[in-house]
Amino acid sequence: MKFRIGNRAITGYLYCPEKKWMFPLSEKERFRKIVIDCIMSLDVAGHFRRVEELEDPTTTPTHLLRAVIRAADMGFTAMPWESHYSSVERLISEYVSQGDDEWAMGIPVSLYCDSATLDVPGMELGFLEMSTLPLYNAIQKRVDEYNPMSSGRMRKVLRQIESNRRRWEQLVAARQSPQSSGGGGGGSDDDDVVHLDMSSDTGNSASTTTATASPSPESKVAGEPLRLSQVANNDK
């Protein structure tokens, strides 16, 4: 089996036919191999390898296809702010729900799942800067090479990601400002406050923190104060 398919996901190939493996692949078999490669590219462990492949001068269209599939898996980062924010909120809700279950069972809480320490703006900012933008920028370079006609569309996607990154950056800055700890003589207008709702359904932690910030579109989503359900932070 190792001789036939190499070291990757050996058990995933146990259902493969036992015959014809020494003969040239048919068009159907080649397509199947590409599909499997693309699915395997979704493994987070290989994310930075996708970026390196695109930066290699010997990159092939198949490498680009794998990277595009991985980028599609991260597509929520390229959505307009309201949709992007809503996706993050649902994701964090799942994380915290898992963390609450782990806490209730008395086992170590997984990374990014502890509602008592989770810093959502900082986490999202780091994800966009270290994972999303490097991959999308690398894809942009290859799109310019392989299909210049689509380059403008890709740049539009990159502009949206950068816009989302700046909004998270503003939220991080607002929480780190002196006003966030109660100092300063800012007004009391609710529009100047970023609200983080940190209630937990399981009851192991529940609190609400507010951070004073300048009025901006980032402080509201769909007309409501910024809220991340079941999310806590360390701004004590």
Foldseek 3Di string as FASTA:
>chain_A
DCVQPNDPPVVVCPPPDPPDSVPDDDPVRVVVVLVVLLVVLLPPVCQVVLLVLLVDPPRDVSSLSSLVSNLVVVVLLLDAPLSNLVVLLVVLLVLQVQQVVCVVVVHDRDPSHPQAAHDSLVVVLCCLVPGNLSSLVSSLVVCCVPPVVCNVVSVSSVVSSVVNNVLSVQVVVQCVDPVQLPDDDDDDDPLQKAKEFQQDPVPPDGDIGITGHHRDPSQDHPRHGDYRYNHHHDSD
